[in-house]
Amino acid sequence: MAAKGAFLHHISRETADLNRLAKFYQEILGFERIESPYFAEMEVIWLRVPNTALSMHLIERNPQSKLPESPWTSTAPIADPRNLPRGHHLCFGVSNYDSLLQTLKANFFYS
């Protein structure tokens, strides 16, 4: 029997700079910071997507990891985004695309 009432509960992102990534989601997409549990082995920040029950769990990157955090931080062939698996992405829809694009260009690394 299939699960009943299944829904997407949370998405996780690993990052070397928790506060920078949290600031991006809070200031640009309006995510709300929520209570996060304590994990001795890593830092986490939990955010909630506005007007939903969906949350994003930002997780401190394991410093032992040899994988690049993004295509732009790699020195290997994966540095070209075309070499990433097609499923490697996260997408949010917004109702003010044009003005958000200008905000990204003015305040972040968007090109």
N, C-alpha and C. Protein backbone atom coordinates (compact mmCIF):
# COMPACT_ATOMS: atom_id res chain seq x y z
N MET A 1 0.84 -1.18 0.00
CA MET A 1 0.00 0.00 0.00
C MET A 1 0.89 1.25 0.00
N ALA A 2 0.55 2.20 -0.83
CA ALA A 2 1.30 3.45 -0.91
C ALA A 2 1.01 4.32 0.31
N ALA A 3 1.96 5.18 0.66
CA ALA A 3 1.76 6.11 1.77
C ALA A 3 0.60 7.04 1.47
N LYS A 4 -0.13 7.40 2.48
CA LYS A 4 -1.25 8.33 2.31
C LYS A 4 -0.84 9.71 2.80
N GLY A 5 -1.27 10.71 2.09
CA GLY A 5 -1.00 12.08 2.50
C GLY A 5 0.47 12.47 2.40
N ALA A 6 1.22 11.82 1.52
CA ALA A 6 2.65 12.15 1.37
C ALA A 6 2.81 13.56 0.82
N PHE A 7 3.82 14.26 1.31
CA PHE A 7 4.12 15.61 0.82
C PHE A 7 5.60 15.87 1.02
N LEU A 8 6.11 16.83 0.32
CA LEU A 8 7.51 17.21 0.46
C LEU A 8 7.67 17.96 1.77
N HIS A 9 8.51 17.46 2.66
CA HIS A 9 8.67 18.03 4.00
C HIS A 9 9.82 19.04 4.05
N HIS A 10 11.00 18.65 3.53
CA HIS A 10 12.13 19.57 3.53
C HIS A 10 13.13 19.23 2.45
N ILE A 11 13.97 20.20 2.16
CA ILE A 11 15.06 20.06 1.21
C ILE A 11 16.32 20.39 2.00
N SER A 12 17.41 19.68 1.74
CA SER A 12 18.67 19.95 2.43
C SER A 12 19.69 20.51 1.45
N ARG A 13 20.49 21.43 1.94
CA ARG A 13 21.61 21.99 1.17
C ARG A 13 22.83 21.96 2.06
N GLU A 14 23.92 21.47 1.54
CA GLU A 14 25.18 21.48 2.26
C GLU A 14 25.98 22.70 1.81
N THR A 15 26.65 23.36 2.75
CA THR A 15 27.40 24.57 2.40
C THR A 15 28.56 24.79 3.36
N ALA A 16 29.60 25.41 2.87
CA ALA A 16 30.74 25.77 3.71
C ALA A 16 30.47 27.07 4.47
N ASP A 17 29.46 27.83 4.06
CA ASP A 17 29.17 29.12 4.70
C ASP A 17 27.67 29.20 5.01
N LEU A 18 27.29 28.63 6.15
CA LEU A 18 25.88 28.57 6.54
C LEU A 18 25.22 29.95 6.59
N ASN A 19 25.88 30.90 7.23
CA ASN A 19 25.26 32.20 7.40
C ASN A 19 25.06 32.93 6.08
N ARG A 20 26.01 32.82 5.17
CA ARG A 20 25.88 33.47 3.87
C ARG A 20 24.70 32.88 3.09
N LEU A 21 24.59 31.55 3.08
CA LEU A 21 23.51 30.91 2.34
C LEU A 21 22.16 31.21 3.00
N ALA A 22 22.11 31.19 4.33
CA ALA A 22 20.86 31.52 5.03
C ALA A 22 20.44 32.95 4.71
N LYS A 23 21.40 33.87 4.71
CA LYS A 23 21.10 35.26 4.40
C LYS A 23 20.50 35.39 3.00
N PHE A 24 21.05 34.67 2.04
CA PHE A 24 20.52 34.68 0.67
C PHE A 24 19.04 34.26 0.66
N TYR A 25 18.75 33.10 1.25
CA TYR A 25 17.37 32.61 1.23
C TYR A 25 16.43 33.52 2.02
N GLN A 26 16.90 34.11 3.10
CA GLN A 26 16.06 34.99 3.90
C GLN A 26 15.83 36.33 3.20
N GLU A 27 16.87 36.96 2.70
CA GLU A 27 16.74 38.29 2.12
C GLU A 27 16.17 38.29 0.70
N ILE A 28 16.50 37.28 -0.09
CA ILE A 28 16.05 37.27 -1.48
C ILE A 28 14.72 36.54 -1.65
N LEU A 29 14.54 35.40 -0.98
CA LEU A 29 13.32 34.62 -1.15
C LEU A 29 12.36 34.72 0.03
N GLY A 30 12.75 35.45 1.07
CA GLY A 30 11.84 35.67 2.19
C GLY A 30 11.64 34.48 3.11
N PHE A 31 12.58 33.52 3.11
CA PHE A 31 12.46 32.38 4.01
C PHE A 31 12.55 32.86 5.45
N GLU A 32 11.90 32.13 6.35
CA GLU A 32 11.89 32.47 7.77
C GLU A 32 12.76 31.47 8.52
N ARG A 33 13.61 31.98 9.42
CA ARG A 33 14.44 31.09 10.23
C ARG A 33 13.57 30.44 11.29
N ILE A 34 13.71 29.13 11.46
CA ILE A 34 12.94 28.39 12.45
C ILE A 34 13.90 27.67 13.40
N GLU A 35 13.35 27.15 14.47
CA GLU A 35 14.17 26.46 15.45
C GLU A 35 14.87 25.26 14.81
N SER A 36 16.15 25.13 15.12
CA SER A 36 16.97 24.05 14.58
C SER A 36 17.49 23.20 15.73
N PRO A 37 17.59 21.89 15.53
CA PRO A 37 18.14 21.05 16.59
C PRO A 37 19.66 21.22 16.69
N TYR A 38 20.23 20.76 17.77
CA TYR A 38 21.67 20.79 17.96
C TYR A 38 22.25 19.45 17.53
N PHE A 39 23.27 19.50 16.69
CA PHE A 39 24.02 18.32 16.29
C PHE A 39 25.48 18.57 16.66
N ALA A 40 26.06 17.71 17.47
CA ALA A 40 27.44 17.91 17.93
C ALA A 40 28.43 17.91 16.77
N GLU A 41 28.17 17.14 15.75
CA GLU A 41 29.14 16.96 14.67
C GLU A 41 29.03 17.99 13.54
N MET A 42 27.99 18.83 13.57
CA MET A 42 27.85 19.81 12.50
C MET A 42 26.88 20.90 12.93
N GLU A 43 27.02 22.06 12.29
CA GLU A 43 26.08 23.16 12.50
C GLU A 43 24.98 23.06 11.46
N VAL A 44 23.79 23.50 11.84
CA VAL A 44 22.67 23.53 10.89
C VAL A 44 21.87 24.82 11.10
N ILE A 45 21.22 25.26 10.05
CA ILE A 45 20.24 26.33 10.11
C ILE A 45 19.02 25.83 9.36
N TRP A 46 17.87 25.92 9.99
CA TRP A 46 16.64 25.52 9.33
C TRP A 46 15.83 26.77 8.98
N LEU A 47 15.29 26.75 7.79
CA LEU A 47 14.46 27.84 7.29
C LEU A 47 13.13 27.28 6.81
N ARG A 48 12.10 28.10 6.84
CA ARG A 48 10.79 27.69 6.31
C ARG A 48 10.48 28.54 5.09
N VAL A 49 9.98 27.86 4.05
CA VAL A 49 9.53 28.55 2.84
C VAL A 49 8.27 29.32 3.21
N PRO A 50 8.19 30.61 2.85
CA PRO A 50 7.03 31.43 3.25
C PRO A 50 5.69 30.80 2.85
N ASN A 51 4.75 30.90 3.74
CA ASN A 51 3.36 30.46 3.51
C ASN A 51 3.21 28.98 3.18
N THR A 52 4.16 28.16 3.65
CA THR A 52 4.08 26.72 3.42
C THR A 52 4.57 25.99 4.66
N ALA A 53 4.45 24.68 4.64
CA ALA A 53 5.04 23.84 5.69
C ALA A 53 6.41 23.32 5.25
N LEU A 54 6.83 23.65 4.04
CA LEU A 54 8.10 23.18 3.50
C LEU A 54 9.27 23.91 4.15
N SER A 55 10.29 23.16 4.53
CA SER A 55 11.46 23.80 5.12
C SER A 55 12.72 23.42 4.35
N MET A 56 13.75 24.23 4.56
CA MET A 56 15.06 23.97 3.97
C MET A 56 16.03 23.82 5.13
N HIS A 57 16.78 22.73 5.11
CA HIS A 57 17.77 22.47 6.15
C HIS A 57 19.15 22.74 5.57
N LEU A 58 19.78 23.80 6.05
CA LEU A 58 21.13 24.11 5.62
C LEU A 58 22.09 23.40 6.56
N ILE A 59 23.02 22.66 6.00
CA ILE A 59 23.90 21.80 6.78
C ILE A 59 25.36 22.19 6.52
N GLU A 60 26.12 22.31 7.59
CA GLU A 60 27.54 22.64 7.46
C GLU A 60 28.24 21.56 6.64
N ARG A 61 28.97 22.00 5.65
CA ARG A 61 29.70 21.09 4.76
C ARG A 61 30.78 20.34 5.54
N ASN A 62 30.89 19.06 5.27
CA ASN A 62 31.93 18.25 5.88
C ASN A 62 33.28 18.70 5.33
N PRO A 63 34.18 19.21 6.17
CA PRO A 63 35.45 19.71 5.66
C PRO A 63 36.33 18.62 5.04
N GLN A 64 36.01 17.37 5.32
CA GLN A 64 36.76 16.26 4.74
C GLN A 64 36.30 15.92 3.32
N SER A 65 35.19 16.47 2.91
CA SER A 65 34.63 16.15 1.60
C SER A 65 35.56 16.63 0.49
N LYS A 66 35.73 15.79 -0.50
CA LYS A 66 36.57 16.13 -1.64
C LYS A 66 35.73 16.57 -2.84
N LEU A 67 34.40 16.51 -2.69
CA LEU A 67 33.52 16.93 -3.78
C LEU A 67 33.40 18.44 -3.80
N PRO A 68 33.28 19.04 -4.97
CA PRO A 68 33.10 20.49 -5.02
C PRO A 68 31.73 20.87 -4.50
N GLU A 69 31.64 22.05 -3.91
CA GLU A 69 30.35 22.53 -3.40
C GLU A 69 29.45 22.96 -4.56
N SER A 70 30.06 23.46 -5.61
CA SER A 70 29.32 23.88 -6.79
C SER A 70 30.24 23.75 -7.99
N PRO A 71 29.70 23.86 -9.20
CA PRO A 71 30.56 23.76 -10.38
C PRO A 71 31.61 24.86 -10.43
N TRP A 72 31.36 25.98 -9.78
CA TRP A 72 32.28 27.11 -9.84
C TRP A 72 33.41 27.03 -8.83
N THR A 73 33.35 26.06 -7.90
CA THR A 73 34.42 25.90 -6.92
C THR A 73 35.31 24.71 -7.22
N SER A 74 35.11 24.08 -8.35
CA SER A 74 35.86 22.90 -8.71
C SER A 74 36.99 23.23 -9.67
N THR A 75 38.07 22.46 -9.55
CA THR A 75 39.17 22.57 -10.52
C THR A 75 39.16 21.37 -11.46
N ALA A 76 38.24 20.46 -11.24
CA ALA A 76 38.10 19.27 -12.08
C ALA A 76 37.17 19.56 -13.25
N PRO A 77 37.02 18.61 -14.18
CA PRO A 77 36.13 18.83 -15.33
C PRO A 77 34.69 19.17 -14.94
N ILE A 78 34.30 18.82 -13.72
CA ILE A 78 32.94 19.13 -13.29
C ILE A 78 32.72 20.64 -13.18
N ALA A 79 33.82 21.42 -13.25
CA ALA A 79 33.70 22.88 -13.17
C ALA A 79 32.80 23.42 -14.28
N ASP A 80 32.66 22.68 -15.35
CA ASP A 80 31.74 23.07 -16.41
C ASP A 80 30.36 22.54 -16.03
N PRO A 81 29.37 23.42 -15.78
CA PRO A 81 28.04 22.97 -15.35
C PRO A 81 27.42 21.93 -16.27
N ARG A 82 27.84 21.87 -17.52
CA ARG A 82 27.29 20.87 -18.43
C ARG A 82 27.67 19.46 -18.01
N ASN A 83 28.69 19.31 -17.14
CA ASN A 83 29.12 18.00 -16.68
C ASN A 83 28.37 17.53 -15.44
N LEU A 84 27.54 18.39 -14.87
CA LEU A 84 26.75 17.99 -13.70
C LEU A 84 25.57 17.12 -14.14
N PRO A 85 25.15 16.20 -13.28
CA PRO A 85 23.95 15.43 -13.61
C PRO A 85 22.75 16.36 -13.78
N ARG A 86 21.86 16.00 -14.66
CA ARG A 86 20.70 16.86 -14.94
C ARG A 86 19.81 17.07 -13.73
N GLY A 87 19.80 16.14 -12.81
CA GLY A 87 18.94 16.25 -11.63
C GLY A 87 19.54 17.13 -10.53
N HIS A 88 20.73 17.66 -10.74
CA HIS A 88 21.43 18.42 -9.71
C HIS A 88 21.01 19.89 -9.77
N HIS A 89 19.83 20.17 -9.21
CA HIS A 89 19.39 21.57 -9.16
C HIS A 89 18.26 21.73 -8.16
N LEU A 90 17.99 22.96 -7.85
CA LEU A 90 16.91 23.33 -6.95
C LEU A 90 16.24 24.53 -7.60
N CYS A 91 14.93 24.52 -7.71
CA CYS A 91 14.23 25.57 -8.45
C CYS A 91 13.07 26.12 -7.62
N PHE A 92 12.97 27.45 -7.59
CA PHE A 92 11.86 28.12 -6.94
C PHE A 92 11.18 29.02 -7.96
N GLY A 93 9.88 29.01 -7.98
CA GLY A 93 9.13 29.94 -8.82
C GLY A 93 8.86 31.21 -8.04
N VAL A 94 8.87 32.34 -8.71
CA VAL A 94 8.56 33.63 -8.09
C VAL A 94 7.63 34.40 -9.01
N SER A 95 6.88 35.31 -8.44
CA SER A 95 5.94 36.09 -9.25
C SER A 95 6.53 37.41 -9.74
N ASN A 96 7.74 37.74 -9.27
CA ASN A 96 8.37 39.00 -9.68
C ASN A 96 9.75 38.73 -10.28
N TYR A 97 9.80 37.88 -11.27
CA TYR A 97 11.06 37.43 -11.86
C TYR A 97 11.96 38.58 -12.28
N ASP A 98 11.46 39.54 -13.03
CA ASP A 98 12.29 40.61 -13.57
C ASP A 98 12.94 41.46 -12.47
N SER A 99 12.16 41.86 -11.47
CA SER A 99 12.75 42.68 -10.40
C SER A 99 13.70 41.85 -9.54
N LEU A 100 13.40 40.57 -9.33
CA LEU A 100 14.29 39.71 -8.57
C LEU A 100 15.61 39.53 -9.32
N LEU A 101 15.54 39.38 -10.62
CA LEU A 101 16.75 39.25 -11.43
C LEU A 101 17.64 40.48 -11.27
N GLN A 102 17.06 41.66 -11.25
CA GLN A 102 17.83 42.89 -11.05
C GLN A 102 18.46 42.91 -9.65
N THR A 103 17.73 42.46 -8.64
CA THR A 103 18.27 42.39 -7.28
C THR A 103 19.46 41.43 -7.23
N LEU A 104 19.32 40.29 -7.87
CA LEU A 104 20.42 39.32 -7.90
C LEU A 104 21.64 39.91 -8.59
N LYS A 105 21.44 40.55 -9.71
CA LYS A 105 22.56 41.14 -10.44
C LYS A 105 23.25 42.23 -9.63
N ALA A 106 22.49 43.00 -8.88
CA ALA A 106 23.05 44.10 -8.11
C ALA A 106 23.73 43.66 -6.81
N ASN A 107 23.28 42.56 -6.24
CA ASN A 107 23.74 42.18 -4.90
C ASN A 107 24.49 40.87 -4.78
N PHE A 108 24.44 40.06 -5.80
CA PHE A 108 25.06 38.75 -5.71
C PHE A 108 25.90 38.48 -6.94
N PHE A 109 26.33 37.26 -7.09
CA PHE A 109 27.27 36.89 -8.15
C PHE A 109 26.59 36.51 -9.45
N TYR A 110 25.31 36.72 -9.59
CA TYR A 110 24.56 36.31 -10.77
C TYR A 110 25.08 37.01 -12.01
N SER A 111 25.19 36.27 -13.11
CA SER A 111 25.65 36.89 -14.35
C SER A 111 24.64 36.69 -15.46
